Amino acid sequence: MKMTTPIRRYFSLILIIISTAILSPSCRKVVEIDSVEKQLFLDEHIIGCYKDGHEFFVYNEKIHQMAINPIRHTVRLQDDTQSEYCHIRLESYPRSIGITILADLYVGENDGQSSYKLIFECSKVEDGKIWLWNKENKIGTIIPEH
């Protein structure tokens, strides 16, 4: 049976749509690596906060506690005395790379607290963790997916 031209066009269009739908999820968005600090951060795997590509507060399950509130979009890492902590409050929880979100970051140490209002780019999602990067301040944070 020979297909007529309009049917052949519709059939071809349907095949293209189905192929696109099947292949789209396998396409990964590529995040630009625009600094050495970002590359150093993306090579890290420990939950915590990083500045200029180096850790300044990382989670150690032996001496720290972790609290995650998915409703408030917060993650808090702290030591047992609560004198050292990293607290991040996200506008929303990112689900895929390339998304930008507004966040408040608070880092406390014995000598005081630093606070930042940052726009993070979701730069990596892997192994149950999310890598968030702020280009302007070269601050990154790795948080658990919830």
N, C-alpha and C. Protein backbone atom coordinates (compact mmCIF):
# COMPACT_ATOMS: atom_id res chain seq x y z
N MET A 1 0.85 -1.18 0.00
CA MET A 1 0.00 0.00 0.00
C MET A 1 0.89 1.24 0.00
N LYS A 2 0.64 2.10 -0.92
CA LYS A 2 1.43 3.32 -1.07
C LYS A 2 0.74 4.46 -0.33
N MET A 3 1.53 5.20 0.51
CA MET A 3 0.96 6.32 1.27
C MET A 3 0.86 7.54 0.37
N THR A 4 -0.21 8.28 0.55
CA THR A 4 -0.35 9.52 -0.19
C THR A 4 0.55 10.57 0.44
N THR A 5 0.81 11.64 -0.27
CA THR A 5 1.74 12.67 0.17
C THR A 5 1.35 13.30 1.51
N PRO A 6 0.11 13.74 1.75
CA PRO A 6 -0.23 14.33 3.05
C PRO A 6 -0.05 13.34 4.20
N ILE A 7 -0.41 12.10 3.99
CA ILE A 7 -0.25 11.09 5.04
C ILE A 7 1.23 10.87 5.31
N ARG A 8 2.03 10.83 4.28
CA ARG A 8 3.47 10.64 4.43
C ARG A 8 4.07 11.79 5.24
N ARG A 9 3.62 13.02 4.98
CA ARG A 9 4.12 14.18 5.73
C ARG A 9 3.76 14.07 7.21
N TYR A 10 2.52 13.72 7.49
CA TYR A 10 2.09 13.57 8.89
C TYR A 10 2.84 12.44 9.57
N PHE A 11 3.04 11.36 8.86
CA PHE A 11 3.77 10.23 9.41
C PHE A 11 5.21 10.64 9.74
N SER A 12 5.86 11.38 8.84
CA SER A 12 7.22 11.87 9.08
C SER A 12 7.26 12.82 10.27
N LEU A 13 6.28 13.70 10.36
CA LEU A 13 6.21 14.64 11.48
C LEU A 13 6.05 13.90 12.80
N ILE A 14 5.21 12.89 12.83
CA ILE A 14 5.00 12.11 14.05
C ILE A 14 6.30 11.40 14.44
N LEU A 15 7.02 10.85 13.49
CA LEU A 15 8.30 10.21 13.79
C LEU A 15 9.31 11.20 14.37
N ILE A 16 9.35 12.40 13.83
CA ILE A 16 10.25 13.43 14.35
C ILE A 16 9.89 13.79 15.78
N ILE A 17 8.61 13.97 16.05
CA ILE A 17 8.16 14.32 17.41
C ILE A 17 8.50 13.20 18.39
N ILE A 18 8.24 11.97 18.03
CA ILE A 18 8.54 10.85 18.91
C ILE A 18 10.05 10.75 19.15
N SER A 19 10.85 10.90 18.12
CA SER A 19 12.31 10.85 18.27
C SER A 19 12.81 11.95 19.20
N THR A 20 12.28 13.14 19.04
CA THR A 20 12.67 14.27 19.90
C THR A 20 12.30 13.99 21.34
N ALA A 21 11.12 13.48 21.57
CA ALA A 21 10.67 13.18 22.93
C ALA A 21 11.53 12.12 23.59
N ILE A 22 11.96 11.14 22.82
CA ILE A 22 12.79 10.08 23.38
C ILE A 22 14.21 10.56 23.65
N LEU A 23 14.76 11.37 22.77
CA LEU A 23 16.15 11.80 22.90
C LEU A 23 16.35 12.99 23.81
N SER A 24 15.35 13.83 24.02
CA SER A 24 15.51 15.05 24.81
C SER A 24 15.99 14.80 26.23
N PRO A 25 15.43 13.85 26.99
CA PRO A 25 15.91 13.65 28.35
C PRO A 25 17.37 13.24 28.42
N SER A 26 17.89 12.64 27.37
CA SER A 26 19.28 12.21 27.42
C SER A 26 20.25 13.35 27.15
N CYS A 27 19.77 14.48 26.66
CA CYS A 27 20.63 15.64 26.41
C CYS A 27 20.88 16.36 27.73
N ARG A 28 22.16 16.58 28.07
CA ARG A 28 22.49 17.26 29.30
C ARG A 28 22.90 18.68 28.97
N LYS A 29 22.41 19.60 29.78
CA LYS A 29 22.81 20.99 29.59
C LYS A 29 24.25 21.13 30.07
N VAL A 30 25.04 21.83 29.32
CA VAL A 30 26.44 22.02 29.65
C VAL A 30 26.59 23.33 30.41
N VAL A 31 27.25 23.26 31.56
CA VAL A 31 27.49 24.45 32.38
C VAL A 31 28.87 24.98 32.03
N GLU A 32 28.95 26.28 31.83
CA GLU A 32 30.21 26.92 31.47
C GLU A 32 31.16 26.93 32.67
N ILE A 33 32.38 26.50 32.45
CA ILE A 33 33.44 26.58 33.46
C ILE A 33 34.24 27.83 33.11
N ASP A 34 33.99 28.91 33.84
CA ASP A 34 34.59 30.19 33.49
C ASP A 34 35.69 30.64 34.45
N SER A 35 36.07 29.76 35.39
CA SER A 35 37.16 30.12 36.30
C SER A 35 37.77 28.85 36.89
N VAL A 36 39.01 28.99 37.32
CA VAL A 36 39.69 27.89 38.00
C VAL A 36 38.96 27.56 39.30
N GLU A 37 38.49 28.59 39.99
CA GLU A 37 37.80 28.39 41.26
C GLU A 37 36.54 27.55 41.08
N LYS A 38 35.80 27.80 40.02
CA LYS A 38 34.59 27.01 39.76
C LYS A 38 34.95 25.56 39.47
N GLN A 39 35.99 25.35 38.69
CA GLN A 39 36.41 23.97 38.39
C GLN A 39 36.83 23.25 39.66
N LEU A 40 37.60 23.93 40.52
CA LEU A 40 38.00 23.32 41.79
C LEU A 40 36.77 22.96 42.63
N PHE A 41 35.80 23.86 42.67
CA PHE A 41 34.57 23.61 43.42
C PHE A 41 33.81 22.41 42.85
N LEU A 42 33.66 22.36 41.54
CA LEU A 42 32.90 21.26 40.92
C LEU A 42 33.59 19.91 41.08
N ASP A 43 34.88 19.92 41.36
CA ASP A 43 35.61 18.67 41.62
C ASP A 43 35.42 18.17 43.05
N GLU A 44 34.88 19.01 43.92
CA GLU A 44 34.63 18.61 45.32
C GLU A 44 33.40 17.70 45.40
N HIS A 45 33.31 16.92 46.49
CA HIS A 45 32.17 16.02 46.65
C HIS A 45 31.59 16.03 48.06
N ILE A 46 32.15 16.83 48.94
CA ILE A 46 31.68 16.86 50.33
C ILE A 46 30.67 17.99 50.50
N ILE A 47 29.54 17.69 51.13
CA ILE A 47 28.52 18.70 51.40
C ILE A 47 29.14 19.81 52.24
N GLY A 48 28.87 21.06 51.86
CA GLY A 48 29.40 22.18 52.61
C GLY A 48 29.49 23.44 51.78
N CYS A 49 30.24 24.42 52.30
CA CYS A 49 30.40 25.73 51.66
C CYS A 49 31.86 25.92 51.24
N TYR A 50 32.03 26.55 50.10
CA TYR A 50 33.36 26.73 49.50
C TYR A 50 33.51 28.18 49.05
N LYS A 51 34.73 28.69 49.17
CA LYS A 51 35.04 30.06 48.73
C LYS A 51 36.33 30.00 47.92
N ASP A 52 36.34 30.63 46.76
CA ASP A 52 37.51 30.65 45.89
C ASP A 52 38.02 29.24 45.56
N GLY A 53 37.09 28.29 45.49
CA GLY A 53 37.45 26.92 45.12
C GLY A 53 37.93 26.05 46.26
N HIS A 54 37.97 26.61 47.48
CA HIS A 54 38.46 25.86 48.63
C HIS A 54 37.39 25.81 49.72
N GLU A 55 37.42 24.76 50.51
CA GLU A 55 36.41 24.60 51.55
C GLU A 55 36.59 25.62 52.66
N PHE A 56 35.45 26.14 53.16
CA PHE A 56 35.53 26.93 54.39
C PHE A 56 34.55 26.42 55.43
N PHE A 57 33.65 25.54 55.08
CA PHE A 57 32.86 24.80 56.07
C PHE A 57 32.33 23.56 55.37
N VAL A 58 32.85 22.40 55.74
CA VAL A 58 32.37 21.15 55.14
C VAL A 58 31.82 20.24 56.22
N TYR A 59 30.82 19.49 55.82
CA TYR A 59 30.10 18.61 56.73
C TYR A 59 30.94 17.37 57.06
N ASN A 60 31.06 17.11 58.36
CA ASN A 60 31.71 15.90 58.87
C ASN A 60 30.70 15.24 59.81
N GLU A 61 30.18 14.09 59.43
CA GLU A 61 29.09 13.47 60.20
C GLU A 61 29.50 13.12 61.63
N LYS A 62 30.79 13.05 61.93
CA LYS A 62 31.23 12.74 63.30
C LYS A 62 31.11 13.93 64.24
N ILE A 63 31.22 15.14 63.70
CA ILE A 63 31.20 16.32 64.58
C ILE A 63 30.13 17.34 64.23
N HIS A 64 29.40 17.12 63.14
CA HIS A 64 28.38 18.08 62.71
C HIS A 64 27.00 17.45 62.65
N GLN A 65 26.02 18.33 62.66
CA GLN A 65 24.63 17.94 62.46
C GLN A 65 24.14 18.59 61.17
N MET A 66 23.17 17.94 60.53
CA MET A 66 22.59 18.50 59.31
C MET A 66 21.08 18.52 59.47
N ALA A 67 20.49 19.67 59.15
CA ALA A 67 19.03 19.81 59.18
C ALA A 67 18.58 20.31 57.81
N ILE A 68 17.60 19.62 57.24
CA ILE A 68 17.06 20.00 55.94
C ILE A 68 15.57 20.23 56.10
N ASN A 69 15.09 21.37 55.64
CA ASN A 69 13.66 21.66 55.66
C ASN A 69 13.20 21.90 54.22
N PRO A 70 12.63 20.86 53.58
CA PRO A 70 12.24 21.01 52.18
C PRO A 70 11.10 22.01 51.96
N ILE A 71 10.29 22.24 52.98
CA ILE A 71 9.19 23.20 52.84
C ILE A 71 9.73 24.63 52.82
N ARG A 72 10.69 24.92 53.68
CA ARG A 72 11.29 26.26 53.73
C ARG A 72 12.51 26.40 52.82
N HIS A 73 12.90 25.33 52.17
CA HIS A 73 14.05 25.32 51.26
C HIS A 73 15.33 25.72 52.00
N THR A 74 15.55 25.12 53.17
CA THR A 74 16.75 25.45 53.95
C THR A 74 17.58 24.20 54.22
N VAL A 75 18.88 24.45 54.32
CA VAL A 75 19.84 23.43 54.74
C VAL A 75 20.73 24.08 55.77
N ARG A 76 20.92 23.41 56.91
CA ARG A 76 21.78 23.95 57.96
C ARG A 76 22.76 22.87 58.38
N LEU A 77 24.02 23.23 58.37
CA LEU A 77 25.10 22.38 58.87
C LEU A 77 25.68 23.09 60.07
N GLN A 78 25.91 22.36 61.16
CA GLN A 78 26.43 23.02 62.36
C GLN A 78 27.19 22.03 63.22
N ASP A 79 28.08 22.59 64.07
CA ASP A 79 28.75 21.73 65.03
C ASP A 79 27.84 21.56 66.25
N ASP A 80 28.25 20.73 67.18
CA ASP A 80 27.40 20.41 68.33
C ASP A 80 27.10 21.61 69.22
N THR A 81 27.98 22.60 69.24
CA THR A 81 27.75 23.78 70.08
C THR A 81 27.03 24.90 69.32
N GLN A 82 26.80 24.72 68.05
CA GLN A 82 26.16 25.69 67.16
C GLN A 82 26.98 26.97 66.99
N SER A 83 28.25 26.92 67.36
CA SER A 83 29.10 28.11 67.20
C SER A 83 29.68 28.20 65.79
N GLU A 84 29.77 27.08 65.11
CA GLU A 84 30.21 27.07 63.71
C GLU A 84 29.09 26.46 62.88
N TYR A 85 28.69 27.17 61.83
CA TYR A 85 27.56 26.69 61.03
C TYR A 85 27.60 27.28 59.63
N CYS A 86 26.87 26.64 58.77
CA CYS A 86 26.62 27.12 57.41
C CYS A 86 25.12 26.91 57.19
N HIS A 87 24.41 27.99 56.97
CA HIS A 87 22.95 27.94 56.81
C HIS A 87 22.61 28.58 55.46
N ILE A 88 21.86 27.84 54.65
CA ILE A 88 21.46 28.38 53.35
C ILE A 88 19.95 28.29 53.22
N ARG A 89 19.37 29.41 52.81
CA ARG A 89 17.92 29.48 52.57
C ARG A 89 17.73 29.82 51.10
N LEU A 90 17.13 28.88 50.38
CA LEU A 90 16.95 29.02 48.93
C LEU A 90 15.57 29.56 48.60
N GLU A 91 15.49 30.29 47.52
CA GLU A 91 14.20 30.75 47.00
C GLU A 91 13.36 29.53 46.60
N SER A 92 14.01 28.55 46.03
CA SER A 92 13.37 27.27 45.67
C SER A 92 14.48 26.24 45.55
N TYR A 93 14.10 24.99 45.60
CA TYR A 93 15.09 23.92 45.47
C TYR A 93 15.29 23.59 43.99
N PRO A 94 16.52 23.75 43.47
CA PRO A 94 16.75 23.49 42.04
C PRO A 94 16.67 22.00 41.74
N ARG A 95 16.22 21.68 40.55
CA ARG A 95 16.07 20.28 40.13
C ARG A 95 16.98 19.91 38.96
N SER A 96 17.49 20.92 38.26
CA SER A 96 18.34 20.61 37.11
C SER A 96 19.39 21.69 36.93
N ILE A 97 20.45 21.34 36.23
CA ILE A 97 21.55 22.30 36.05
C ILE A 97 21.13 23.43 35.12
N GLY A 98 21.79 24.57 35.32
CA GLY A 98 21.51 25.75 34.51
C GLY A 98 20.51 26.70 35.14
N ILE A 99 19.76 26.24 36.12
CA ILE A 99 18.76 27.07 36.79
C ILE A 99 19.47 28.05 37.72
N THR A 100 19.00 29.29 37.80
CA THR A 100 19.53 30.26 38.76
C THR A 100 18.49 30.52 39.83
N ILE A 101 18.97 30.63 41.07
CA ILE A 101 18.06 30.86 42.20
C ILE A 101 18.70 31.86 43.17
N LEU A 102 17.85 32.59 43.84
CA LEU A 102 18.27 33.53 44.87
C LEU A 102 18.38 32.79 46.19
N ALA A 103 19.40 33.12 46.98
CA ALA A 103 19.60 32.43 48.26
C ALA A 103 20.25 33.37 49.27
N ASP A 104 19.97 33.10 50.54
CA ASP A 104 20.67 33.74 51.65
C ASP A 104 21.61 32.71 52.24
N LEU A 105 22.86 33.09 52.43
CA LEU A 105 23.87 32.20 52.99
C LEU A 105 24.43 32.85 54.24
N TYR A 106 24.42 32.09 55.34
CA TYR A 106 24.97 32.56 56.61
C TYR A 106 26.04 31.58 57.05
N VAL A 107 27.21 32.11 57.35
CA VAL A 107 28.31 31.27 57.82
C VAL A 107 28.77 31.84 59.15
N GLY A 108 28.69 31.01 60.18
CA GLY A 108 29.09 31.45 61.51
C GLY A 108 30.33 30.73 61.99
N GLU A 109 31.21 31.50 62.60
CA GLU A 109 32.40 30.95 63.22
C GLU A 109 32.51 31.59 64.60
N ASN A 110 33.45 31.13 65.37
CA ASN A 110 33.60 31.63 66.74
C ASN A 110 33.71 33.15 66.80
N ASP A 111 34.27 33.77 65.77
CA ASP A 111 34.49 35.21 65.79
C ASP A 111 33.40 36.02 65.11
N GLY A 112 32.27 35.41 64.76
CA GLY A 112 31.18 36.18 64.18
C GLY A 112 30.49 35.46 63.03
N GLN A 113 29.64 36.23 62.34
CA GLN A 113 28.84 35.67 61.24
C GLN A 113 29.05 36.49 59.98
N SER A 114 29.12 35.80 58.87
CA SER A 114 29.12 36.44 57.56
C SER A 114 27.80 36.09 56.89
N SER A 115 27.20 37.06 56.23
CA SER A 115 25.94 36.77 55.53
C SER A 115 26.04 37.30 54.10
N TYR A 116 25.40 36.57 53.21
CA TYR A 116 25.44 36.89 51.79
C TYR A 116 24.05 36.71 51.20
N LYS A 117 23.67 37.59 50.31
CA LYS A 117 22.48 37.41 49.47
C LYS A 117 23.03 37.17 48.07
N LEU A 118 22.83 35.96 47.56
CA LEU A 118 23.51 35.53 46.35
C LEU A 118 22.54 34.98 45.31
N ILE A 119 22.95 35.08 44.07
CA ILE A 119 22.27 34.36 42.99
C ILE A 119 23.17 33.19 42.63
N PHE A 120 22.65 31.99 42.85
CA PHE A 120 23.40 30.78 42.55
C PHE A 120 22.95 30.18 41.23
N GLU A 121 23.89 29.59 40.54
CA GLU A 121 23.60 28.78 39.36
C GLU A 121 23.71 27.33 39.80
N CYS A 122 22.72 26.52 39.48
CA CYS A 122 22.81 25.09 39.72
C CYS A 122 23.76 24.52 38.67
N SER A 123 24.96 24.16 39.11
CA SER A 123 26.02 23.78 38.17
C SER A 123 26.20 22.28 38.02
N LYS A 124 25.66 21.51 38.95
CA LYS A 124 25.84 20.06 38.88
C LYS A 124 24.81 19.40 39.78
N VAL A 125 24.26 18.29 39.34
CA VAL A 125 23.37 17.46 40.15
C VAL A 125 23.84 16.03 39.95
N GLU A 126 24.28 15.41 41.05
CA GLU A 126 24.88 14.08 40.93
C GLU A 126 24.92 13.39 42.29
N ASP A 127 24.68 12.10 42.31
CA ASP A 127 24.81 11.28 43.51
C ASP A 127 24.04 11.85 44.70
N GLY A 128 22.85 12.37 44.46
CA GLY A 128 22.02 12.89 45.54
C GLY A 128 22.46 14.24 46.08
N LYS A 129 23.31 14.94 45.34
CA LYS A 129 23.80 16.25 45.78
C LYS A 129 23.60 17.28 44.67
N ILE A 130 23.55 18.54 45.10
CA ILE A 130 23.39 19.67 44.18
C ILE A 130 24.54 20.65 44.42
N TRP A 131 25.21 21.05 43.34
CA TRP A 131 26.30 22.02 43.40
C TRP A 131 25.75 23.38 42.96
N LEU A 132 25.81 24.37 43.85
CA LEU A 132 25.35 25.72 43.54
C LEU A 132 26.56 26.66 43.52
N TRP A 133 26.65 27.51 42.50
CA TRP A 133 27.82 28.37 42.33
C TRP A 133 27.41 29.82 42.11
N ASN A 134 28.08 30.74 42.82
CA ASN A 134 27.91 32.17 42.61
C ASN A 134 29.19 32.71 41.99
N LYS A 135 29.08 33.16 40.76
CA LYS A 135 30.23 33.61 39.97
C LYS A 135 30.87 34.87 40.54
N GLU A 136 30.06 35.84 40.94
CA GLU A 136 30.59 37.14 41.38
C GLU A 136 31.47 37.02 42.61
N ASN A 137 31.04 36.24 43.61
CA ASN A 137 31.79 36.11 44.85
C ASN A 137 32.63 34.85 44.92
N LYS A 138 32.53 34.02 43.88
CA LYS A 138 33.25 32.73 43.82
C LYS A 138 32.96 31.89 45.06
N ILE A 139 31.66 31.82 45.37
CA ILE A 139 31.18 31.02 46.50
C ILE A 139 30.36 29.87 45.95
N GLY A 140 30.62 28.69 46.47
CA GLY A 140 29.85 27.51 46.08
C GLY A 140 29.35 26.78 47.30
N THR A 141 28.27 26.07 47.13
CA THR A 141 27.77 25.22 48.20
C THR A 141 27.26 23.92 47.60
N ILE A 142 27.59 22.84 48.26
CA ILE A 142 27.08 21.52 47.88
C ILE A 142 26.05 21.15 48.93
N ILE A 143 24.84 20.89 48.48
CA ILE A 143 23.75 20.54 49.40
C ILE A 143 23.15 19.21 48.97
N PRO A 144 22.51 18.52 49.92
CA PRO A 144 21.86 17.27 49.54
C PRO A 144 20.55 17.53 48.80
N GLU A 145 20.21 16.65 47.87
CA GLU A 145 18.88 16.68 47.29
C GLU A 145 17.93 16.20 48.38
N HIS A 146 16.73 16.69 48.35
CA HIS A 146 15.78 16.18 49.36
C HIS A 146 14.73 15.35 48.72
